[in-house]
Protein backbone atom coordinates (compact mmCIF):
# COMPACT_ATOMS: atom_id res chain seq x y z
CA MET A 1 105.14 94.91 70.92
CA THR A 2 101.53 94.22 69.63
CA LEU A 3 98.75 92.25 71.28
CA ASP A 4 99.31 89.63 68.67
CA GLU A 5 103.09 89.55 69.18
CA LEU A 6 102.31 89.25 72.77
CA ARG A 7 100.04 86.39 72.26
CA GLU A 8 102.61 84.72 69.92
CA ILE A 9 105.24 84.80 72.80
CA ALA A 10 102.84 83.21 75.09
CA GLU A 11 101.91 80.42 72.45
CA LYS A 12 105.62 79.72 71.85
CA GLU A 13 106.22 79.28 75.48
CA ARG A 14 103.49 77.12 76.22
CA GLU A 15 104.47 74.82 73.31
CA ALA A 16 107.94 74.66 74.76
CA GLN A 17 106.70 73.55 78.18
CA LYS A 18 104.62 70.95 76.60
CA GLN A 19 107.89 69.35 75.32
CA PHE A 20 108.44 67.90 78.70
CA PRO A 21 106.19 65.41 80.03
CA HIS A 22 107.19 66.26 83.72
CA CYS A 23 108.16 69.52 85.19
CA ILE A 24 109.46 69.83 88.99
CA GLY A 25 109.15 73.42 90.26
CA VAL A 26 111.27 73.87 93.22
CA CYS A 27 110.40 76.97 95.68
CA VAL A 28 113.13 79.51 95.44
CA ALA A 29 111.40 82.01 97.28
CA ALA A 30 113.31 83.56 100.57
CA GLY A 31 111.49 80.95 102.96
CA CYS A 32 112.53 77.83 101.13
CA LEU A 33 115.81 79.29 100.32
CA SER A 34 116.55 79.69 103.94
CA GLN A 35 116.26 75.95 103.98
CA ARG A 36 118.71 75.37 100.98
CA SER A 37 116.06 75.03 98.47
CA ASP A 38 118.70 75.97 95.71
CA GLN A 39 120.81 72.78 96.88
CA ILE A 40 117.65 70.70 96.32
CA LYS A 41 117.27 72.13 92.93
CA VAL A 42 120.71 71.20 92.01
CA HIS A 43 120.34 67.54 93.59
CA LEU A 44 116.96 67.14 91.62
CA GLU A 45 118.85 68.44 88.05
CA THR A 46 121.78 65.92 88.98
CA GLU A 47 119.12 63.08 89.37
CA VAL A 48 117.55 63.79 86.25
CA LYS A 49 120.99 63.83 84.31
CA LYS A 50 122.06 60.59 85.90
CA ARG A 51 119.08 58.88 84.79
CA GLY A 52 119.14 60.39 81.45
CA LEU A 53 115.89 62.08 81.60
CA GLU A 54 116.61 65.48 80.21
CA GLN A 55 114.38 65.26 77.54
CA GLN A 56 111.40 64.06 79.80
CA VAL A 57 111.98 66.17 83.03
CA LYS A 58 112.28 69.79 83.33
CA VAL A 59 113.43 71.15 86.81
CA LYS A 60 113.05 75.03 87.53
CA GLY A 61 112.71 77.32 90.08
CA VAL A 62 109.37 78.93 91.15
CA GLY A 63 107.73 81.25 93.68
CA CYS A 64 106.37 80.64 97.03
CA LEU A 65 104.20 77.59 97.50
CA GLY A 66 102.74 78.85 100.64
CA LEU A 67 103.36 76.11 103.21
CA CYS A 68 106.69 77.78 104.66
CA ALA A 69 106.13 75.31 107.84
CA ALA A 70 106.87 72.25 105.58
CA GLY A 71 109.92 73.63 103.40
CA PRO A 72 111.65 72.99 101.23
CA LEU A 73 108.84 72.52 99.07
CA LEU A 74 108.29 71.51 95.31
CA GLN A 75 105.47 70.74 92.93
CA VAL A 76 105.38 68.18 90.08
CA MET A 77 103.36 69.12 87.04
CA PRO A 78 101.24 68.27 85.47
CA THR A 79 99.81 66.02 88.42
CA ASN A 80 100.09 68.89 91.05
CA ASP A 81 101.96 66.32 93.46
CA LEU A 82 103.45 68.21 96.22
CA TYR A 83 106.54 67.14 98.19
CA LYS A 84 108.73 68.23 100.94
CA CYS A 85 112.43 67.32 100.05
CA ARG A 86 115.49 67.99 102.26
CA SER A 87 118.33 65.77 100.92
CA ALA A 88 119.76 64.24 97.78
CA GLU A 89 118.11 60.90 98.62
CA GLU A 90 114.86 62.33 98.90
CA ALA A 91 115.44 64.21 95.65
CA GLY A 92 116.40 60.73 93.92
CA ALA A 93 113.14 59.12 95.42
CA ILE A 94 110.97 61.99 93.90
CA VAL A 95 112.68 61.54 90.38
CA ASP A 96 111.97 57.75 90.82
CA SER A 97 108.38 58.51 91.41
CA LEU A 98 107.62 60.10 88.30
CA GLU A 99 107.06 57.10 86.19
CA GLY A 100 105.32 55.31 89.33
CA ALA A 101 103.58 55.69 92.42
CA PRO A 102 104.16 59.13 94.34
CA ALA A 103 106.69 59.18 97.02
CA GLN A 104 103.93 58.89 99.93
CA GLU A 105 106.48 59.35 102.61
CA LEU A 106 107.38 62.93 101.10
CA ALA A 107 103.96 63.85 99.74
CA LEU A 108 101.67 66.60 100.83
CA SER A 109 98.19 66.20 100.09
CA SER A 110 96.68 69.08 97.76
CA GLN A 111 93.41 68.33 99.35
CA MET A 112 94.49 69.36 102.86
CA PRO A 113 92.57 72.55 104.03
CA PHE A 114 95.71 74.64 103.79
CA PHE A 115 95.73 74.29 100.00
CA ARG A 116 92.18 73.15 99.13
CA ASP A 117 90.33 76.17 100.92
CA GLN A 118 92.12 79.14 99.21
CA ARG A 119 91.01 81.20 96.56
CA LYS A 120 94.18 82.58 94.67
CA ILE A 121 94.07 85.65 92.65
CA VAL A 122 96.84 87.69 93.70
CA LEU A 123 99.05 84.37 94.26
CA GLU A 124 97.63 82.57 91.16
CA ASN A 125 101.21 82.42 89.41
CA SER A 126 103.13 81.88 92.79
CA GLY A 127 104.72 78.38 92.68
CA VAL A 128 103.69 78.04 89.18
CA ILE A 129 105.83 80.32 87.11
CA ASP A 130 109.67 80.88 86.99
CA PRO A 131 109.80 84.36 88.62
CA GLU A 132 113.02 85.26 86.59
CA ARG A 133 111.27 84.55 83.15
CA ILE A 134 108.90 87.06 81.75
CA GLU A 135 107.88 84.42 78.91
CA GLU A 136 106.27 82.24 81.65
CA TYR A 137 104.60 85.24 82.93
CA ILE A 138 103.21 86.11 79.46
CA ALA A 139 102.36 82.38 78.96
CA ALA A 140 100.23 82.74 81.95
CA GLY A 141 98.37 85.60 80.37
CA GLY A 142 100.64 88.18 81.83
CA TYR A 143 100.71 91.76 80.15
CA GLU A 144 97.36 91.19 77.94
CA ALA A 145 95.37 93.27 80.61
CA LEU A 146 97.85 96.19 80.02
CA LEU A 147 97.94 96.00 76.20
CA THR A 148 94.27 95.51 75.75
CA SER A 149 93.66 98.44 78.02
CA LEU A 150 96.02 100.45 76.15
CA THR A 151 94.45 99.59 72.68
CA ALA A 152 90.67 98.92 73.62
CA ARG A 153 89.89 100.98 76.60
CA SER A 154 90.05 104.71 77.33
CA ALA A 155 91.67 105.66 80.47
CA LEU A 156 88.35 106.42 82.20
CA ASP A 157 86.90 103.03 81.40
CA VAL A 158 89.85 101.51 83.32
CA VAL A 159 89.20 103.72 86.51
CA GLN A 160 85.52 102.80 86.36
CA GLU A 161 86.39 99.06 86.05
CA VAL A 162 88.63 99.06 89.27
CA THR A 163 85.93 101.22 91.05
CA LYS A 164 83.47 98.54 89.99
CA SER A 165 85.39 95.83 91.44
CA GLY A 166 85.19 97.19 95.04
CA LEU A 167 89.10 96.79 95.61
CA ARG A 168 90.08 98.56 98.64
CA GLY A 169 93.86 99.12 99.20
CA ARG A 170 95.66 96.40 100.74
CA GLY A 171 97.98 98.39 102.59
CA GLY A 172 96.12 98.81 105.81
CA ALA A 173 93.67 101.58 105.54
CA GLY A 174 91.38 100.07 103.27
CA PHE A 175 90.52 103.43 100.92
CA PRO A 176 88.57 102.61 98.04
CA THR A 177 91.05 101.94 95.21
CA GLY A 178 88.90 103.35 92.39
CA LEU A 179 88.07 106.64 94.18
CA LYS A 180 91.90 107.13 94.86
CA TRP A 181 92.71 106.79 90.97
CA SER A 182 90.04 108.84 90.27
CA THR A 183 91.01 111.62 92.43
CA VAL A 184 94.81 111.50 91.07
CA ALA A 185 93.47 111.26 87.34
CA LYS A 186 91.27 114.65 87.92
CA SER A 187 94.30 116.14 89.54
CA GLY A 188 96.00 118.73 86.99
CA GLY A 189 99.42 119.12 88.76
CA LYS A 190 102.45 120.97 87.70
CA GLY A 191 103.01 120.71 83.81
CA GLY A 192 100.95 117.70 84.06
CA GLN A 193 103.48 115.50 85.63
CA LYS A 194 102.09 112.76 87.61
CA TYR A 195 103.72 109.73 89.43
CA VAL A 196 102.61 106.25 90.52
CA VAL A 197 104.30 104.64 93.30
CA CYS A 198 104.53 101.15 95.06
CA ASN A 199 104.78 100.97 98.58
CA ALA A 200 107.00 97.85 99.09
CA ASP A 201 108.17 98.78 102.56
CA GLU A 202 106.56 96.03 104.46
CA GLY A 203 107.70 96.80 108.17
CA ASP A 204 105.07 94.86 110.53
CA PRO A 205 106.61 92.12 112.49
CA GLY A 206 105.49 88.75 111.32
CA ALA A 207 104.43 90.00 107.80
CA PHE A 208 105.71 88.75 104.51
CA MET A 209 103.16 89.03 102.02
CA ASP A 210 104.33 91.65 99.83
CA ARG A 211 108.11 90.37 99.87
CA SER A 212 106.64 86.80 98.73
CA VAL A 213 104.72 88.38 95.87
CA LEU A 214 107.58 90.52 94.61
CA GLU A 215 109.99 87.27 94.77
CA SER A 216 107.17 84.85 93.20
CA ASP A 217 105.58 87.21 90.60
CA PRO A 218 107.21 90.57 89.87
CA HIS A 219 105.84 91.16 86.55
CA ARG A 220 102.34 91.14 88.38
CA VAL A 221 103.24 94.07 90.18
CA LEU A 222 104.72 96.00 87.20
CA GLU A 223 101.89 95.33 84.91
CA GLY A 224 99.31 96.73 87.82
CA MET A 225 101.49 99.60 87.98
CA ALA A 226 101.64 100.34 84.14
CA ILE A 227 97.97 99.99 83.95
CA ALA A 228 97.50 102.43 87.06
CA ALA A 229 99.85 104.89 85.28
CA TYR A 230 97.94 104.63 82.11
CA ALA A 231 94.58 105.33 83.90
CA VAL A 232 95.63 108.40 85.96
CA GLY A 233 98.08 109.79 83.35
CA ALA A 234 101.25 109.26 84.85
CA ASN A 235 104.63 108.30 83.01
CA ARG A 236 107.08 107.56 85.74
CA GLY A 237 106.82 105.23 88.69
CA PHE A 238 108.70 104.39 91.73
CA ILE A 239 108.87 101.03 93.74
CA TYR A 240 109.85 101.79 97.38
CA CYS A 241 111.23 98.55 98.59
CA ARG A 242 113.25 97.96 101.70
CA ALA A 243 116.85 96.98 101.36
CA GLU A 244 116.32 93.89 103.75
CA TYR A 245 114.56 92.29 100.63
CA PRO A 246 117.44 91.61 98.39
CA LEU A 247 115.91 88.74 96.65
CA ALA A 248 112.85 90.77 95.97
CA VAL A 249 114.95 93.80 94.76
CA ARG A 250 117.03 91.61 92.26
CA ARG A 251 114.03 89.95 90.85
CA LEU A 252 112.22 93.51 90.50
CA ARG A 253 115.36 94.99 88.67
CA THR A 254 115.40 91.59 86.53
CA ALA A 255 111.65 91.87 85.53
CA ILE A 256 111.99 95.73 84.84
CA ARG A 257 114.82 95.07 82.36
CA GLN A 258 113.11 92.07 80.80
CA ALA A 259 109.78 94.26 80.19
CA GLU A 260 111.70 97.15 78.77
CA SER A 261 113.33 94.82 76.26
CA LEU A 262 110.20 93.80 75.04
CA GLY A 263 108.55 97.31 74.93
CA LEU A 264 106.22 96.68 77.59
CA LEU A 265 107.65 99.49 79.75
CA GLY A 266 109.58 102.51 78.39
CA ASN A 267 108.51 104.70 75.45
CA ASN A 268 105.38 104.39 73.22
CA VAL A 269 104.43 101.11 74.99
CA CYS A 270 102.40 99.04 72.21
CA ASP A 271 103.14 101.64 69.73
CA THR A 272 100.80 103.99 71.47
CA SER A 273 101.39 107.24 72.85
CA PHE A 274 101.64 105.92 76.42
CA SER A 275 105.26 105.94 77.95
CA PHE A 276 106.05 104.74 81.58
CA ARG A 277 109.31 103.92 83.22
CA ILE A 278 109.66 102.13 86.85
CA GLU A 279 112.63 102.85 89.04
CA VAL A 280 113.32 100.94 92.35
CA ARG A 281 114.17 102.68 95.43
CA LEU A 282 115.61 101.35 98.39
CA GLY A 283 114.43 101.85 101.97
CA ALA A 284 116.63 101.80 105.11
CA GLY A 285 114.11 99.65 107.03
CA ALA A 286 112.56 102.66 108.79
CA PHE A 287 108.93 101.45 109.68
CA VAL A 288 107.71 105.08 109.49
CA CYS A 289 108.32 104.98 105.83
CA GLY A 290 105.47 102.80 105.39
CA GLU A 291 103.27 106.33 106.00
CA GLU A 292 102.61 107.42 102.55
CA THR A 293 104.20 111.06 103.11
CA ALA A 294 107.23 109.75 104.75
CA LEU A 295 107.77 107.41 101.96
CA LEU A 296 107.75 110.01 99.50
CA ALA A 297 110.01 112.28 101.51
CA SER A 298 112.57 109.13 101.37
CA VAL A 299 112.18 108.59 97.74
CA GLU A 300 113.02 112.35 97.29
CA GLY A 301 116.35 111.78 98.89
CA LYS A 302 115.00 113.48 102.26
CA ARG A 303 114.76 112.34 105.80
CA GLY A 304 111.73 110.08 106.00
CA VAL A 305 109.22 111.66 108.06
CA PRO A 306 105.60 112.34 107.63
CA ARG A 307 104.20 115.69 107.07
CA PRO A 308 100.45 117.03 107.88
CA ARG A 309 97.84 116.39 105.54
CA PRO A 310 96.18 118.01 103.41
CA PRO A 311 97.48 118.33 100.79
CA PHE A 312 97.07 114.69 100.16
CA PRO A 313 99.55 112.98 97.76
CA ALA A 314 96.71 112.76 95.42
CA GLN A 315 97.09 116.44 94.97
CA GLU A 316 100.16 117.11 95.70
CA GLY A 317 102.89 114.23 96.30
CA LEU A 318 106.16 113.42 94.96
CA TYR A 319 108.09 116.49 93.92
CA GLY A 320 104.82 118.37 94.38
CA ALA A 321 102.96 116.51 91.81
CA PRO A 322 99.84 114.39 91.86
CA THR A 323 101.16 110.80 93.14
CA LEU A 324 99.30 107.54 93.07
CA ILE A 325 100.24 105.33 96.07
CA ASN A 326 99.12 101.86 96.46
CA ASN A 327 100.99 98.81 97.86
CA VAL A 328 101.96 95.52 96.49
CA GLU A 329 98.93 93.43 96.77
CA THR A 330 96.89 96.44 95.50
CA TYR A 331 98.59 96.56 92.42
CA ALA A 332 98.79 92.71 92.10
CA ASN A 333 95.03 92.68 91.89
CA ILE A 334 94.68 95.16 88.84
CA PRO A 335 95.60 92.77 86.01
CA PRO A 336 93.08 89.90 86.85
CA ILE A 337 90.45 92.71 87.46
CA LEU A 338 90.99 94.17 84.03
CA ARG A 339 91.09 90.54 82.53
CA ASN A 340 88.14 89.15 84.13
CA GLY A 341 85.83 92.42 84.70
CA GLY A 342 84.99 94.41 87.61
CA ASP A 343 81.77 92.42 88.39
CA TRP A 344 83.98 89.19 88.46
CA TYR A 345 85.95 90.61 91.34
CA ALA A 346 83.09 92.24 93.13
CA SER A 347 81.17 88.74 93.32
CA ILE A 348 83.92 87.29 95.64
CA GLY A 349 83.83 88.42 99.46
CA THR A 350 81.48 90.35 101.37
CA GLU A 351 79.25 93.41 100.55
CA LYS A 352 81.60 95.87 101.59
CA SER A 353 84.95 94.18 101.46
CA LYS A 354 85.17 92.51 98.12
CA GLY A 355 87.82 89.99 96.63
CA THR A 356 90.29 87.99 98.58
CA LYS A 357 92.99 88.96 101.09
CA VAL A 358 96.62 87.44 101.48
CA PHE A 359 97.55 86.70 105.00
CA ALA A 360 100.91 85.66 106.51
CA LEU A 361 100.08 83.11 109.13
CA ALA A 362 102.88 83.49 111.89
CA GLY A 363 103.22 82.70 115.68
CA ARG A 364 101.94 79.76 117.45
CA VAL A 365 100.16 77.69 114.64
CA ASN A 366 101.10 74.53 112.93
CA ASN A 367 100.80 75.61 109.23
CA THR A 368 102.74 78.92 109.33
CA GLY A 369 103.01 80.42 105.78
CA LEU A 370 101.21 82.41 103.10
CA ILE A 371 97.66 81.84 102.29
CA GLU A 372 94.89 83.74 100.21
CA VAL A 373 91.27 83.45 100.85
CA PRO A 374 88.00 85.13 100.05
CA MET A 375 86.78 88.32 102.48
CA GLY A 376 84.61 87.09 104.98
CA MET A 377 86.02 83.72 105.83
CA LYS A 378 85.78 82.85 109.39
CA LEU A 379 88.58 83.41 111.59
CA ARG A 380 88.24 79.88 113.25
CA ASP A 381 88.58 78.48 109.64
CA ILE A 382 91.83 80.30 109.12
CA VAL A 383 93.33 79.35 112.36
CA PHE A 384 92.26 75.63 112.68
CA ASN A 385 91.68 74.48 109.21
CA LEU A 386 94.17 76.22 107.06
CA GLY A 387 96.36 77.08 110.04
CA GLY A 388 96.35 73.49 111.33
CA GLY A 389 95.68 74.66 114.87
CA ILE A 390 97.87 75.38 117.73
CA PRO A 391 101.18 73.15 118.15
CA ASP A 392 102.06 70.99 120.93
CA GLY A 393 98.38 70.70 122.02
CA GLY A 394 98.20 74.39 123.12
CA LYS A 395 95.09 76.65 123.46
CA PHE A 396 94.14 79.41 121.19
CA LYS A 397 94.20 82.88 123.01
CA ALA A 398 94.32 85.47 120.52
CA VAL A 399 95.20 86.53 117.13
CA GLN A 400 97.03 89.79 116.55
CA THR A 401 96.31 91.42 113.39
CA GLY A 402 97.16 94.86 111.73
CA GLY A 403 100.86 94.85 113.08
CA PRO A 404 101.79 97.27 115.44
CA SER A 405 98.74 99.57 114.57
CA GLY A 406 96.31 96.55 115.03
CA GLY A 407 94.77 94.71 118.04
CA CYS A 408 94.50 91.35 119.71
CA ILE A 409 91.36 89.46 119.10
CA PRO A 410 90.34 86.86 121.58
CA GLU A 411 88.66 83.36 121.57
CA GLN A 412 85.11 84.60 121.70
CA TYR A 413 85.61 86.08 118.20
CA LEU A 414 86.74 82.88 116.40
CA ASP A 415 83.44 82.74 114.32
CA MET A 416 83.84 86.39 113.24
CA PRO A 417 83.97 86.97 109.45
CA VAL A 418 87.64 88.40 108.49
CA ASP A 419 86.84 91.63 106.62
CA TYR A 420 87.38 95.34 107.25
CA GLU A 421 84.41 96.10 109.00
CA SER A 422 84.31 93.27 111.52
CA LEU A 423 88.10 93.59 112.36
CA ALA A 424 87.36 97.22 113.29
CA SER A 425 84.25 96.31 115.30
CA ALA A 426 86.45 93.92 117.43
CA GLY A 427 88.99 96.73 118.11
CA SER A 428 91.71 95.76 115.41
CA ILE A 429 92.35 96.35 111.56
CA MET A 430 93.25 94.26 108.70
CA GLY A 431 96.37 96.12 107.99
CA SER A 432 98.61 94.76 105.34
CA GLY A 433 97.62 91.02 106.29
CA GLY A 434 99.98 89.92 109.09
CA MET A 435 98.20 87.24 111.34
CA ILE A 436 100.19 86.33 114.51
CA ILE A 437 98.43 83.47 116.47
CA ILE A 438 98.98 83.61 120.28
CA ASP A 439 98.43 80.52 122.62
CA ASP A 440 97.61 80.20 126.22
CA ARG A 441 101.41 80.44 127.19
CA ALA A 442 101.74 84.12 126.26
CA CYS A 443 101.23 87.08 128.57
CA MET A 444 99.03 89.69 126.96
CA VAL A 445 100.68 92.72 129.05
CA ASP A 446 104.04 91.24 127.66
CA VAL A 447 102.38 91.17 124.05
CA ALA A 448 101.33 94.76 124.25
CA LYS A 449 104.85 95.86 125.77
CA PHE A 450 106.57 94.02 122.59
CA PHE A 451 104.43 96.05 120.17
CA MET A 452 104.98 99.40 122.14
CA ASP A 453 108.64 98.89 122.31
CA PHE A 454 108.45 98.30 118.61
CA CYS A 455 106.82 101.35 118.20
CA ARG A 456 108.85 103.75 120.40
CA SER A 457 112.04 102.53 118.60
CA GLU A 458 110.55 103.09 115.34
CA SER A 459 109.26 106.41 116.02
CA CYS A 460 110.56 109.29 113.86
CA GLY A 461 110.33 111.54 116.63
CA LYS A 462 108.87 114.62 114.54
CA CYS A 463 105.84 114.70 116.92
CA VAL A 464 106.02 114.90 120.84
CA PRO A 465 102.85 112.80 121.22
CA CYS A 466 104.55 109.98 119.54
CA ARG A 467 108.14 110.60 120.50
CA VAL A 468 107.46 111.01 124.09
CA GLY A 469 104.16 109.37 124.64
CA THR A 470 105.06 106.01 123.32
CA MET A 471 108.10 105.93 125.58
CA HIS A 472 105.77 106.80 128.64
CA VAL A 473 103.36 104.01 127.71
CA TYR A 474 106.27 101.50 127.38
CA ASP A 475 107.68 102.60 130.83
CA LEU A 476 103.95 102.13 132.35
CA LEU A 477 103.87 98.59 130.74
CA THR A 478 107.43 97.75 132.03
CA GLY A 479 106.37 98.68 135.34
CA ILE A 480 102.90 96.74 135.40
CA SER A 481 104.92 93.67 133.84
CA GLU A 482 107.52 93.75 136.88
CA GLY A 483 104.76 94.17 139.27
CA LYS A 484 105.58 97.75 140.44
CA ALA A 485 102.57 99.33 139.14
CA THR A 486 99.22 100.65 140.87
CA ALA A 487 95.56 100.68 140.02
CA SER A 488 95.96 104.26 138.96
CA ASP A 489 98.75 103.42 136.54
CA LEU A 490 95.87 101.60 134.41
CA ASP A 491 93.86 104.74 134.29
CA ARG A 492 97.13 106.74 133.41
CA LEU A 493 97.89 104.06 130.58
CA GLU A 494 94.30 104.56 128.94
CA LYS A 495 94.52 108.45 129.08
CA LEU A 496 97.87 108.40 127.69
CA GLY A 497 97.39 105.96 124.97
CA ASP A 498 93.97 108.10 124.11
CA MET A 499 95.87 111.31 123.92
CA ILE A 500 98.48 109.93 121.55
CA ARG A 501 95.63 108.67 119.51
CA ARG A 502 94.17 112.04 119.25
CA THR A 503 97.23 114.06 118.54
CA ALA A 504 99.94 112.42 117.12
CA LEU A 505 101.06 113.74 113.46
CA CYS A 506 100.70 110.34 111.53
CA GLY A 507 98.43 107.49 111.31
CA LEU A 508 101.40 105.28 112.47
CA GLY A 509 101.63 107.34 115.79
CA GLN A 510 97.92 107.55 116.09
CA THR A 511 97.46 103.81 115.76
CA SER A 512 100.26 102.81 118.15
CA PRO A 513 98.35 102.34 121.36
CA ASN A 514 95.90 100.05 119.69
CA PRO A 515 97.52 96.75 120.83
CA VAL A 516 97.31 98.40 124.36
CA PHE A 517 93.67 99.09 124.28
CA SER A 518 92.75 95.92 122.81
CA THR A 519 94.43 93.90 125.32
CA LEU A 520 93.05 96.11 128.09
CA ARG A 521 89.47 95.45 126.60
CA TYR A 522 89.82 91.81 126.29
CA PHE A 523 92.41 90.70 128.79
CA ARG A 524 92.09 93.42 131.58
CA ASP A 525 92.38 90.81 134.33
CA GLU A 526 95.88 89.96 133.43
CA TYR A 527 96.85 93.58 134.13
CA VAL A 528 94.90 93.26 137.45
CA GLN A 529 96.80 90.35 138.41
CA HIS A 530 100.19 91.69 137.75
CA ILE A 531 99.24 95.08 139.63
CA GLU A 532 97.16 93.56 142.56
CA ASN A 533 98.49 90.02 142.93
CA HIS A 534 102.00 90.86 141.62
CA ARG A 535 102.06 87.71 139.44
CA CYS A 536 102.03 87.28 135.81
CA PRO A 537 99.16 84.38 134.99
CA ALA A 538 101.48 83.06 132.16
CA GLY A 539 104.67 83.10 134.11
CA VAL A 540 106.35 85.22 131.52
CA CYS A 541 106.90 88.45 133.36
CA ASN A 542 108.98 89.61 136.20
CA ALA A 543 105.72 90.17 138.56
CA GLY A 544 105.97 88.00 141.43
CA LYS A 545 109.38 86.88 140.93
CA GLU A 546 112.13 87.61 143.62
CA MET A 547 114.21 90.56 142.50
CA ALA A 548 117.96 90.51 142.83
CA ALA A 549 119.34 92.56 145.71
CA PRO A 550 121.25 95.77 144.63
CA ALA A 551 124.89 95.27 144.57
CA LYS A 552 126.55 96.96 147.85
CA ALA A 553 129.02 99.74 147.31
CA GLY A 554 132.47 98.84 146.39
CA GLN A 555 131.56 95.40 145.04
């Protein structure tokens, strides 16, 4: 495959698409499929055939269109009309509208803030291309950055361009991507063997960013990994994806086969000396395998538990060789950075947090779904403009970011810019991009208890601070929620959480007390009311409720 041959495929595909005056793209990502969008696609195909419009209208499956709350969704090209469609009758009305006025009763305005205020880089192809056809990805500029890098750039040039972009790892820690790539590139390793690994083990409650990208635009991730492999000198790659994502896994494997068949993966890519093969490895859903050393152990077929660092994976990772690990969103940013330049990417976002960030909006918000916004957008704009505010007239109380490792940010920070530094100053983290909105009907003690319950059940058990400490923190929170705690338990809770943070083996254990610390920082009065007044202000917990009398012997 040469660059000219790639462009020929792209042009041929674009010409084929022009043969149809209308194209209806139906979302076939997991969210809409759960609402039977596959049946909607069949209804549309039936209506097109019934009207004899097979030569004028093309119906195809596309990736996530973002607004999960309104699904199943579809988009009509080239007018970009958006519709929600739930029945055969509605499908017929949409087909009828192609030659007339839009079906207003089913239409969604592309000018509503949810769509208008996004800046799509990672998601630029989501909802546009068929994720199971490599030709559509190529027609959208896919794999051109890879082939251009292989034929016109040195590996060092690629690393420098990524460094110039200011991209930071989107998996949670926000480590500078260029610096990590440079470290792996300089590592010698055993016999020169190096690996590139994609962390697709998305385990945060309420997070579905990586899953959506893999389902909607899998070739984008493969291309990003291939560019990374060329930059650091690796020839093998692994995508570690949780088995609970069967659609993402299937589309990934399809994409790998397609890329190999065109010579874009495999031996001597683009008739160069660069060779790169990718395998998909399935995880069993252990949250701890999101930690990089535990992930590598699982890829090797061992029990997925973390190990002390150093050595870091960049020096000694998979099978003892230097290993580059980034998450799905990080790799998905690489092709556009190489196409448009590092300076272009660095011009987006804030001084220290460059580019865009994909968030999964969930919880008590009207517009649940997937968004991509520039770093630095105000939290208020995300919640009330893109998110559409709180349903049923509720009042915003907090937003939980960063998953179980993050924290709860109260109303007073609504005008805070969302970037790595601002979130850290407020006592939370960016994490991988989960954003759970909490309204005034929630009890913050109960929220902290929920996340601590998750952490204790997901602890790998290797170190005592996490294995035992999270259990004791959960027991203390349970006592508080049941109105059985004393004032000294609050002091004990803080001391225990601090001990876990300082002494746990891995980052997941060290950050597990964060939801407790943040709720104590901003909602301490709710803890006090549970303890002193034996009541839950939100009426959620057992505090203040009459407890059932114990059964008598023999009953």
